[in-house]
Amino acid sequence: MLTKVDTDFIIQTKSYPLNTVRFEYREKPFPVIISFNWRGMFIVVRVFIYLFERGVYMYPIIDLVEHQTIATVQKEEELELAIKSQANIVFLLMGSIFNVQELVDKIKGAGKQVFIHVEFIEGIVADRTGISYLAKNVKPTGIISTKGNLIRIAKDMNLMAIQRIFLIDHSAVLRGIKAAEQSQPDAIEVMPGIMPHIIEGLTSMTPYPIIAGGLVDNRREIDEALHAGALAVSTGKSELWQ
């Protein structure tokens, strides 16, 4: 359904996941995220800037998300479950230099997007050479890393990049946001992902899409993270991938 906003903007909600819609500006689409604040009973709209001159999204990861639960695969025996699941994005947190290309090809062959956590792949050093090897030979959708320099390297090599930050305390949150501002990832993965009030605060502190991950055990926790403004939730619980 199309609803006219003004002479330049049109908002389209069809075929987009929870709390994500698309704006059109002079016939050029770009996505936004809507964060629901249930306590205050109001809606905060976060607009993700469209780079008109370059014709690309600043945050193209939003368009990748078809199912808002991301399958986190930590064991090879879990891969088949992820491939058969409804999740269209897989976070690969296992493998080695000997089999990572085979694993990625299998995931991509099932029509899914795959992000490799570079610090979890045996035999591939988490540095420029390692990222270059992944970009040229393995060709995942993107990488995940806690290291800002690797995020920047991946972006330079036309890989998408997700920066993982740990919500240990308030200073860690601020440091994580500052690091993301410097590395400019496609999204931030926050761990643990079971603190909706922190996620809600993050959505007002940074324009980057938020992925909640870690310690997510049930559907209620997924819904709470999404309602707090997260774009998606990553989990290793295969029963939640459906």
Protein backbone atom coordinates (compact mmCIF):
# COMPACT_ATOMS: atom_id res chain seq x y z
CA MET A 1 0.00 0.00 0.00
CA LEU A 2 1.34 3.44 -0.92
CA THR A 3 0.57 6.48 1.18
CA LYS A 4 1.47 9.97 0.04
CA VAL A 5 3.56 11.87 2.58
CA ASP A 6 4.33 15.04 0.61
CA THR A 7 5.26 16.03 -2.92
CA ASP A 8 8.60 14.21 -2.72
CA PHE A 9 8.13 11.35 -0.26
CA ILE A 10 6.09 8.17 -0.50
CA ILE A 11 6.06 5.48 2.22
CA GLN A 12 5.65 1.83 1.31
CA THR A 13 5.08 -0.90 3.93
CA LYS A 14 4.43 -3.92 1.71
CA SER A 15 6.88 -6.86 1.85
CA TYR A 16 9.10 -5.42 4.57
CA PRO A 17 9.84 -7.07 7.94
CA LEU A 18 8.58 -5.91 11.33
CA ASN A 19 9.35 -2.25 12.16
CA THR A 20 10.93 -1.68 8.72
CA VAL A 21 9.36 0.33 5.93
CA ARG A 22 10.60 1.94 2.75
CA PHE A 23 10.45 5.57 1.73
CA GLU A 24 10.65 6.74 -1.85
CA TYR A 25 12.24 10.06 -2.67
CA ARG A 26 11.68 11.21 -6.22
CA GLU A 27 11.15 7.59 -7.30
CA LYS A 28 14.35 6.40 -5.56
CA PRO A 29 13.66 3.98 -2.67
CA PHE A 30 15.45 3.87 0.66
CA PRO A 31 14.54 2.09 3.90
CA VAL A 32 13.83 3.30 7.39
CA ILE A 33 13.35 1.56 10.72
CA ILE A 34 10.50 2.34 13.06
CA SER A 35 11.22 1.90 16.77
CA PHE A 36 8.17 1.33 18.95
CA ASN A 37 8.25 2.86 22.42
CA TRP A 38 5.44 1.05 24.18
CA ARG A 39 5.82 2.91 27.49
CA GLY A 40 5.61 6.33 25.91
CA MET A 41 3.10 5.17 23.29
CA PHE A 42 4.86 6.92 20.46
CA ILE A 43 6.81 5.90 17.40
CA VAL A 44 10.35 6.99 16.62
CA VAL A 45 11.25 6.86 12.95
CA ARG A 46 14.93 6.41 12.17
CA VAL A 47 15.66 7.42 8.60
CA PHE A 48 18.62 5.73 6.95
CA ILE A 49 20.23 8.25 4.67
CA TYR A 50 20.07 7.51 0.98
CA LEU A 51 23.15 8.55 -0.96
CA PHE A 52 21.36 10.15 -3.87
CA GLU A 53 24.45 11.19 -5.79
CA ARG A 54 26.01 7.71 -5.66
CA GLY A 55 22.78 5.79 -6.11
CA VAL A 56 23.40 3.37 -3.22
CA TYR A 57 22.05 2.78 0.27
CA MET A 58 24.17 3.68 3.25
CA TYR A 59 22.71 0.63 5.01
CA PRO A 60 21.89 -1.97 2.32
CA ILE A 61 21.77 -4.72 4.95
CA ILE A 62 18.19 -3.67 5.69
CA ASP A 63 17.06 -4.92 2.31
CA LEU A 64 18.72 -8.30 2.94
CA VAL A 65 16.55 -9.08 5.95
CA GLU A 66 13.55 -11.18 4.95
CA HIS A 67 13.28 -13.19 8.17
CA GLN A 68 14.17 -11.28 11.31
CA THR A 69 15.73 -14.26 13.06
CA ILE A 70 19.32 -14.86 11.94
CA ALA A 71 20.73 -18.39 12.21
CA THR A 72 24.04 -18.44 14.10
CA VAL A 73 25.92 -21.63 13.19
CA GLN A 74 28.66 -22.72 15.60
CA LYS A 75 28.89 -26.44 14.72
CA GLU A 76 29.03 -28.10 11.32
CA GLU A 77 26.09 -30.38 12.20
CA GLU A 78 23.93 -27.26 12.62
CA LEU A 79 24.53 -26.10 9.07
CA GLU A 80 21.92 -28.34 7.46
CA LEU A 81 19.29 -27.10 9.94
CA ALA A 82 20.15 -23.49 9.06
CA ILE A 83 19.94 -24.19 5.36
CA LYS A 84 16.50 -25.79 5.73
CA SER A 85 15.21 -23.07 8.05
CA GLN A 86 13.22 -19.95 7.19
CA ALA A 87 16.14 -17.73 8.20
CA ASN A 88 17.58 -16.12 5.10
CA ILE A 89 20.78 -14.90 6.80
CA VAL A 90 23.38 -17.17 8.39
CA PHE A 91 26.15 -16.07 10.73
CA LEU A 92 29.01 -18.57 10.37
CA LEU A 93 31.05 -18.88 13.56
CA MET A 94 32.99 -22.04 12.69
CA GLY A 95 35.18 -23.52 10.01
CA SER A 96 38.77 -23.45 8.84
CA ILE A 97 40.79 -22.35 5.87
CA PHE A 98 40.29 -25.87 4.47
CA ASN A 99 36.48 -25.93 4.45
CA VAL A 100 35.17 -22.37 4.81
CA GLN A 101 34.67 -21.92 1.06
CA GLU A 102 32.70 -25.17 0.87
CA LEU A 103 30.53 -24.09 3.80
CA VAL A 104 29.87 -20.66 2.32
CA ASP A 105 29.08 -22.10 -1.12
CA LYS A 106 26.58 -24.48 0.48
CA ILE A 107 24.81 -21.65 2.28
CA LYS A 108 24.77 -19.41 -0.79
CA GLY A 109 23.58 -22.33 -2.90
CA ALA A 110 20.49 -22.48 -0.69
CA GLY A 111 19.72 -18.86 -1.57
CA LYS A 112 20.83 -17.43 1.77
CA GLN A 113 23.18 -14.62 2.77
CA VAL A 114 26.22 -15.56 4.85
CA PHE A 115 28.37 -13.49 7.17
CA ILE A 116 31.63 -14.97 8.47
CA HIS A 117 32.96 -14.11 11.92
CA VAL A 118 36.60 -13.77 10.89
CA GLU A 119 37.97 -14.33 14.38
CA PHE A 120 36.38 -17.80 14.51
CA ILE A 121 37.86 -19.27 11.31
CA GLU A 122 40.89 -21.45 11.98
CA GLY A 123 43.91 -20.88 9.79
CA ILE A 124 42.85 -17.44 8.55
CA VAL A 125 44.54 -14.56 10.32
CA ALA A 126 42.21 -11.71 11.23
CA ASP A 127 44.12 -9.03 9.32
CA ARG A 128 44.18 -7.40 5.87
CA THR A 129 45.59 -10.52 4.23
CA GLY A 130 42.92 -12.72 5.79
CA ILE A 131 40.09 -10.40 4.75
CA SER A 132 41.55 -10.20 1.26
CA TYR A 133 41.60 -14.01 1.03
CA LEU A 134 37.95 -14.19 2.09
CA ALA A 135 36.90 -11.47 -0.33
CA LYS A 136 38.70 -12.92 -3.36
CA ASN A 137 38.27 -16.64 -2.77
CA VAL A 138 35.44 -17.40 -0.35
CA LYS A 139 33.16 -14.49 -1.30
CA PRO A 140 30.70 -14.34 1.60
CA THR A 141 28.06 -11.62 1.81
CA GLY A 142 30.15 -10.02 4.52
CA ILE A 143 32.04 -10.43 7.77
CA ILE A 144 31.46 -10.00 11.50
CA SER A 145 34.19 -8.67 13.75
CA THR A 146 34.78 -6.90 17.04
CA LYS A 147 37.69 -5.03 15.46
CA GLY A 148 37.03 -1.70 13.78
CA ASN A 149 40.09 -1.91 11.53
CA LEU A 150 38.80 -5.18 10.04
CA ILE A 151 35.40 -3.58 9.42
CA ARG A 152 37.06 -0.78 7.44
CA ILE A 153 39.22 -3.25 5.48
CA ALA A 154 36.19 -5.37 4.60
CA LYS A 155 34.26 -2.32 3.40
CA ASP A 156 37.22 -1.32 1.23
CA MET A 157 37.05 -4.79 -0.34
CA ASN A 158 33.32 -4.48 -1.10
CA LEU A 159 32.22 -6.83 1.66
CA MET A 160 29.42 -5.92 4.02
CA ALA A 161 30.52 -5.69 7.63
CA ILE A 162 28.83 -6.08 11.02
CA GLN A 163 30.61 -4.79 14.11
CA ARG A 164 29.98 -6.81 17.27
CA ILE A 165 30.00 -4.97 20.59
CA PHE A 166 29.52 -6.31 24.11
CA LEU A 167 27.18 -4.50 26.49
CA ILE A 168 29.24 -4.97 29.64
CA ASP A 169 28.41 -1.57 31.11
CA HIS A 170 27.47 1.95 30.03
CA SER A 171 31.06 2.89 29.20
CA ALA A 172 31.28 -0.17 26.93
CA VAL A 173 28.14 1.00 25.14
CA LEU A 174 29.63 4.43 24.54
CA ARG A 175 32.95 2.96 23.41
CA GLY A 176 31.13 0.64 21.03
CA ILE A 177 29.17 3.48 19.46
CA LYS A 178 32.32 5.56 19.08
CA ALA A 179 34.11 2.62 17.45
CA ALA A 180 31.22 2.14 15.04
CA GLU A 181 31.28 5.82 14.10
CA GLN A 182 34.92 5.40 13.13
CA SER A 183 34.62 2.07 11.29
CA GLN A 184 31.21 2.76 9.67
CA PRO A 185 29.80 -0.80 9.58
CA ASP A 186 26.61 -1.84 7.83
CA ALA A 187 25.14 -2.82 11.20
CA ILE A 188 26.03 -3.26 14.86
CA GLU A 189 25.48 -6.59 16.61
CA VAL A 190 25.00 -6.07 20.34
CA MET A 191 25.58 -8.83 22.88
CA PRO A 192 23.79 -9.95 24.92
CA GLY A 193 20.60 -9.30 23.01
CA ILE A 194 18.19 -9.72 25.90
CA MET A 195 18.22 -6.13 27.17
CA PRO A 196 15.44 -4.36 25.24
CA HIS A 197 15.76 -1.13 27.24
CA ILE A 198 19.44 -0.89 26.21
CA ILE A 199 18.59 -1.68 22.59
CA GLU A 200 15.93 1.03 22.64
CA GLY A 201 18.49 3.51 23.97
CA LEU A 202 21.01 2.51 21.30
CA THR A 203 18.53 3.19 18.51
CA SER A 204 18.37 6.82 19.65
CA MET A 205 22.16 7.09 20.01
CA THR A 206 23.23 5.74 16.61
CA PRO A 207 21.68 5.57 13.14
CA TYR A 208 23.24 2.16 12.44
CA PRO A 209 20.86 -0.82 12.25
CA ILE A 210 21.01 -2.90 15.44
CA ILE A 211 21.15 -6.70 15.49
CA ALA A 212 20.55 -8.27 18.91
CA GLY A 213 22.47 -11.47 19.66
CA GLY A 214 23.57 -13.70 22.48
CA LEU A 215 21.62 -15.46 25.27
CA VAL A 216 18.39 -15.29 23.24
CA ASP A 217 16.47 -18.42 24.27
CA ASN A 218 12.84 -17.93 23.30
CA ARG A 219 10.40 -16.16 20.96
CA ARG A 220 9.39 -13.63 23.61
CA GLU A 221 12.97 -12.33 23.84
CA ILE A 222 13.12 -12.03 20.05
CA ASP A 223 9.88 -10.05 19.97
CA GLU A 224 11.06 -7.76 22.77
CA ALA A 225 14.31 -6.97 20.92
CA LEU A 226 12.44 -6.25 17.67
CA HIS A 227 9.89 -4.03 19.41
CA ALA A 228 12.78 -2.16 21.03
CA GLY A 229 14.02 -1.26 17.55
CA ALA A 230 16.39 -4.07 16.53
CA LEU A 231 16.47 -4.86 12.83
CA ALA A 232 16.95 -8.58 13.51
CA VAL A 233 17.97 -11.06 16.21
CA SER A 234 20.76 -13.62 15.86
CA THR A 235 20.53 -16.87 17.81
CA GLY A 236 22.13 -20.29 17.92
CA LYS A 237 18.83 -21.90 18.98
CA SER A 238 17.78 -23.81 15.87
CA GLU A 239 14.16 -24.12 17.04
CA LEU A 240 13.91 -20.30 16.75
CA TRP A 241 15.06 -20.23 13.12
CA GLN A 242 11.59 -21.19 11.88
